[in-house]
Amino acid sequence: MKNELDGKLILSVYEKIIQHGEDHEDGKLYEGICAFSDIDGYTVYLKGSGVLLRFGFHNTYHLDYQHEKNKEDFLKKVLYIADKEL
């Protein structure tokens, strides 16, 4: 998979959602993206638009999605949050 996202960007978006998002059953929800982590905090997740992004050790990530359109919508939201001044 081509690297579309950088690890620093993923973590930045995760932190913005955790800090500014509203409580959600899975974690915190902000601008249509839900952020949460596993129990030990070593793996963080971003979920929205039918996509689950899993980010973990060695700055590696994996995107799970059914349709390319879901991935495109998800990436737009992630980049929007990354660029948003809070």
N, C-alpha and C. Protein backbone atom coordinates (compact mmCIF):
# COMPACT_ATOMS: atom_id res chain seq x y z
N MET A 1 0.84 -1.19 0.00
CA MET A 1 0.00 0.00 0.00
C MET A 1 0.88 1.24 0.00
N LYS A 2 0.55 2.15 -0.84
CA LYS A 2 1.26 3.43 -0.92
C LYS A 2 1.04 4.22 0.38
N ASN A 3 2.09 4.85 0.87
CA ASN A 3 1.97 5.65 2.09
C ASN A 3 1.24 6.95 1.79
N GLU A 4 -0.04 7.00 2.15
CA GLU A 4 -0.84 8.20 1.92
C GLU A 4 -0.82 9.12 3.13
N LEU A 5 -0.51 8.55 4.29
CA LEU A 5 -0.52 9.32 5.53
C LEU A 5 0.82 9.14 6.25
N ASP A 6 1.20 10.16 6.96
CA ASP A 6 2.43 10.14 7.73
C ASP A 6 2.07 9.87 9.20
N GLY A 7 2.94 9.16 9.90
CA GLY A 7 2.67 8.81 11.29
C GLY A 7 2.42 10.01 12.18
N LYS A 8 3.17 11.08 11.97
CA LYS A 8 2.98 12.29 12.78
C LYS A 8 1.61 12.89 12.55
N LEU A 9 1.16 12.86 11.30
CA LEU A 9 -0.16 13.39 10.97
C LEU A 9 -1.25 12.55 11.65
N ILE A 10 -1.12 11.23 11.58
CA ILE A 10 -2.11 10.36 12.21
C ILE A 10 -2.20 10.64 13.71
N LEU A 11 -1.05 10.74 14.37
CA LEU A 11 -1.05 10.99 15.81
C LEU A 11 -1.58 12.38 16.15
N SER A 12 -1.29 13.35 15.29
CA SER A 12 -1.81 14.70 15.49
C SER A 12 -3.33 14.72 15.42
N VAL A 13 -3.88 14.04 14.42
CA VAL A 13 -5.34 13.97 14.26
C VAL A 13 -5.94 13.22 15.44
N TYR A 14 -5.32 12.13 15.84
CA TYR A 14 -5.80 11.36 17.00
C TYR A 14 -5.88 12.27 18.23
N GLU A 15 -4.82 13.02 18.50
CA GLU A 15 -4.80 13.90 19.68
C GLU A 15 -5.86 15.00 19.60
N LYS A 16 -6.05 15.59 18.41
CA LYS A 16 -7.08 16.62 18.26
C LYS A 16 -8.46 16.06 18.56
N ILE A 17 -8.72 14.85 18.06
CA ILE A 17 -10.03 14.24 18.30
C ILE A 17 -10.21 13.92 19.78
N ILE A 18 -9.18 13.38 20.42
CA ILE A 18 -9.27 13.05 21.84
C ILE A 18 -9.49 14.32 22.67
N GLN A 19 -8.81 15.40 22.33
CA GLN A 19 -8.92 16.65 23.09
C GLN A 19 -10.23 17.40 22.85
N HIS A 20 -10.71 17.40 21.61
CA HIS A 20 -11.85 18.25 21.25
C HIS A 20 -13.12 17.49 20.89
N GLY A 21 -13.04 16.17 20.83
CA GLY A 21 -14.20 15.37 20.44
C GLY A 21 -15.19 15.18 21.57
N GLU A 22 -16.36 14.72 21.19
CA GLU A 22 -17.42 14.41 22.15
C GLU A 22 -17.36 12.92 22.48
N ASP A 23 -17.78 12.58 23.69
CA ASP A 23 -17.80 11.17 24.09
C ASP A 23 -18.65 10.36 23.12
N HIS A 24 -18.16 9.18 22.79
CA HIS A 24 -18.81 8.26 21.86
C HIS A 24 -18.64 6.86 22.43
N GLU A 25 -19.47 5.94 22.03
CA GLU A 25 -19.39 4.58 22.58
C GLU A 25 -18.02 3.94 22.40
N ASP A 26 -17.30 4.30 21.33
CA ASP A 26 -15.98 3.72 21.08
C ASP A 26 -14.83 4.56 21.62
N GLY A 27 -15.05 5.85 21.81
CA GLY A 27 -13.97 6.74 22.24
C GLY A 27 -14.43 8.18 22.19
N LYS A 28 -13.79 8.98 21.33
CA LYS A 28 -14.17 10.38 21.13
C LYS A 28 -14.49 10.58 19.65
N LEU A 29 -15.52 11.37 19.38
CA LEU A 29 -15.98 11.62 18.02
C LEU A 29 -15.82 13.10 17.70
N TYR A 30 -15.20 13.38 16.56
CA TYR A 30 -15.00 14.77 16.12
C TYR A 30 -15.01 14.81 14.60
N GLU A 31 -15.85 15.68 14.03
CA GLU A 31 -15.95 15.86 12.58
C GLU A 31 -16.15 14.53 11.84
N GLY A 32 -16.92 13.62 12.43
CA GLY A 32 -17.24 12.36 11.77
C GLY A 32 -16.20 11.27 11.91
N ILE A 33 -15.14 11.52 12.66
CA ILE A 33 -14.10 10.52 12.88
C ILE A 33 -14.05 10.19 14.37
N CYS A 34 -14.06 8.90 14.68
CA CYS A 34 -13.96 8.44 16.06
C CYS A 34 -12.53 7.99 16.33
N ALA A 35 -11.98 8.39 17.46
CA ALA A 35 -10.62 8.02 17.86
C ALA A 35 -10.67 7.22 19.15
N PHE A 36 -9.89 6.15 19.20
CA PHE A 36 -9.77 5.34 20.41
C PHE A 36 -8.47 4.55 20.35
N SER A 37 -8.12 3.93 21.46
CA SER A 37 -6.89 3.12 21.49
C SER A 37 -7.17 1.79 22.16
N ASP A 38 -6.22 0.86 22.04
CA ASP A 38 -6.36 -0.39 22.76
C ASP A 38 -6.02 -0.15 24.23
N ILE A 39 -6.16 -1.15 25.04
CA ILE A 39 -6.00 -0.99 26.49
C ILE A 39 -4.62 -0.48 26.86
N ASP A 40 -3.57 -0.98 26.20
CA ASP A 40 -2.22 -0.57 26.57
C ASP A 40 -1.79 0.74 25.91
N GLY A 41 -2.59 1.24 24.97
CA GLY A 41 -2.29 2.52 24.33
C GLY A 41 -1.26 2.46 23.22
N TYR A 42 -0.78 1.27 22.89
CA TYR A 42 0.24 1.15 21.84
C TYR A 42 -0.34 1.20 20.43
N THR A 43 -1.61 0.89 20.30
CA THR A 43 -2.26 0.95 19.00
C THR A 43 -3.40 1.95 19.10
N VAL A 44 -3.44 2.89 18.15
CA VAL A 44 -4.54 3.86 18.11
C VAL A 44 -5.36 3.60 16.86
N TYR A 45 -6.62 3.97 16.94
CA TYR A 45 -7.57 3.73 15.86
C TYR A 45 -8.29 5.02 15.51
N LEU A 46 -8.54 5.19 14.23
CA LEU A 46 -9.43 6.24 13.72
C LEU A 46 -10.47 5.52 12.88
N LYS A 47 -11.74 5.85 13.11
CA LYS A 47 -12.82 5.15 12.42
C LYS A 47 -13.85 6.15 11.93
N GLY A 48 -14.27 6.00 10.68
CA GLY A 48 -15.32 6.83 10.11
C GLY A 48 -15.48 6.57 8.64
N SER A 49 -16.62 6.93 8.08
CA SER A 49 -16.91 6.77 6.65
C SER A 49 -16.71 5.34 6.17
N GLY A 50 -16.96 4.37 7.03
CA GLY A 50 -16.80 2.97 6.64
C GLY A 50 -15.36 2.49 6.59
N VAL A 51 -14.47 3.22 7.25
CA VAL A 51 -13.03 2.89 7.24
C VAL A 51 -12.54 2.77 8.68
N LEU A 52 -11.65 1.81 8.90
CA LEU A 52 -10.95 1.69 10.18
C LEU A 52 -9.46 1.79 9.91
N LEU A 53 -8.81 2.78 10.52
CA LEU A 53 -7.36 2.94 10.43
C LEU A 53 -6.76 2.46 11.74
N ARG A 54 -5.80 1.55 11.64
CA ARG A 54 -5.09 1.02 12.80
C ARG A 54 -3.63 1.45 12.69
N PHE A 55 -3.14 2.17 13.71
CA PHE A 55 -1.78 2.71 13.71
C PHE A 55 -1.04 2.19 14.92
N GLY A 56 0.14 1.59 14.69
CA GLY A 56 0.85 0.99 15.81
C GLY A 56 2.35 1.15 15.74
N PHE A 57 3.02 0.15 16.27
CA PHE A 57 4.48 0.14 16.36
C PHE A 57 5.15 0.43 15.02
N HIS A 58 6.33 0.98 15.08
CA HIS A 58 7.17 1.24 13.91
C HIS A 58 6.49 2.17 12.91
N ASN A 59 5.59 3.02 13.40
CA ASN A 59 4.88 3.97 12.53
C ASN A 59 4.21 3.30 11.34
N THR A 60 3.64 2.14 11.56
CA THR A 60 2.92 1.45 10.49
C THR A 60 1.43 1.59 10.72
N TYR A 61 0.70 1.64 9.62
CA TYR A 61 -0.76 1.70 9.73
C TYR A 61 -1.39 0.82 8.68
N HIS A 62 -2.64 0.49 8.93
CA HIS A 62 -3.41 -0.33 8.00
C HIS A 62 -4.81 0.26 7.90
N LEU A 63 -5.32 0.35 6.69
CA LEU A 63 -6.67 0.84 6.44
C LEU A 63 -7.56 -0.33 6.04
N ASP A 64 -8.67 -0.51 6.73
CA ASP A 64 -9.68 -1.51 6.37
C ASP A 64 -10.88 -0.78 5.81
N TYR A 65 -11.29 -1.14 4.58
CA TYR A 65 -12.45 -0.52 3.96
C TYR A 65 -12.99 -1.42 2.86
N GLN A 66 -14.25 -1.22 2.51
CA GLN A 66 -14.90 -2.01 1.47
C GLN A 66 -14.77 -1.37 0.09
N HIS A 67 -14.90 -0.05 0.03
CA HIS A 67 -14.94 0.64 -1.25
C HIS A 67 -13.95 1.80 -1.28
N GLU A 68 -13.38 2.03 -2.42
CA GLU A 68 -12.40 3.12 -2.59
C GLU A 68 -13.01 4.47 -2.20
N LYS A 69 -14.29 4.67 -2.49
CA LYS A 69 -14.96 5.93 -2.14
C LYS A 69 -14.95 6.16 -0.63
N ASN A 70 -15.14 5.08 0.15
CA ASN A 70 -15.07 5.21 1.61
C ASN A 70 -13.70 5.71 2.03
N LYS A 71 -12.67 5.13 1.45
CA LYS A 71 -11.30 5.52 1.79
C LYS A 71 -11.05 6.99 1.44
N GLU A 72 -11.51 7.41 0.26
CA GLU A 72 -11.32 8.80 -0.16
C GLU A 72 -12.02 9.76 0.81
N ASP A 73 -13.26 9.45 1.18
CA ASP A 73 -14.00 10.30 2.13
C ASP A 73 -13.30 10.36 3.48
N PHE A 74 -12.83 9.22 3.96
CA PHE A 74 -12.12 9.15 5.24
C PHE A 74 -10.86 10.00 5.21
N LEU A 75 -10.06 9.85 4.16
CA LEU A 75 -8.81 10.61 4.07
C LEU A 75 -9.07 12.11 4.00
N LYS A 76 -10.13 12.52 3.31
CA LYS A 76 -10.49 13.95 3.27
C LYS A 76 -10.79 14.47 4.67
N LYS A 77 -11.55 13.70 5.44
CA LYS A 77 -11.88 14.11 6.81
C LYS A 77 -10.63 14.19 7.69
N VAL A 78 -9.76 13.21 7.57
CA VAL A 78 -8.53 13.18 8.36
C VAL A 78 -7.67 14.39 8.02
N LEU A 79 -7.51 14.67 6.74
CA LEU A 79 -6.69 15.83 6.33
C LEU A 79 -7.34 17.14 6.75
N TYR A 80 -8.67 17.21 6.72
CA TYR A 80 -9.38 18.41 7.18
C TYR A 80 -9.09 18.65 8.66
N ILE A 81 -9.20 17.61 9.47
CA ILE A 81 -8.92 17.75 10.90
C ILE A 81 -7.47 18.14 11.13
N ALA A 82 -6.56 17.55 10.37
CA ALA A 82 -5.13 17.85 10.52
C ALA A 82 -4.86 19.33 10.25
N ASP A 83 -5.55 19.90 9.27
CA ASP A 83 -5.31 21.30 8.88
C ASP A 83 -6.09 22.30 9.73
N LYS A 84 -7.06 21.82 10.48
CA LYS A 84 -7.94 22.71 11.25
C LYS A 84 -7.20 23.27 12.47
N GLU A 85 -7.29 24.58 12.63
CA GLU A 85 -6.71 25.24 13.81
C GLU A 85 -7.71 25.16 14.95
N LEU A 86 -7.29 24.62 16.08
CA LEU A 86 -8.20 24.49 17.23
C LEU A 86 -7.72 25.33 18.39
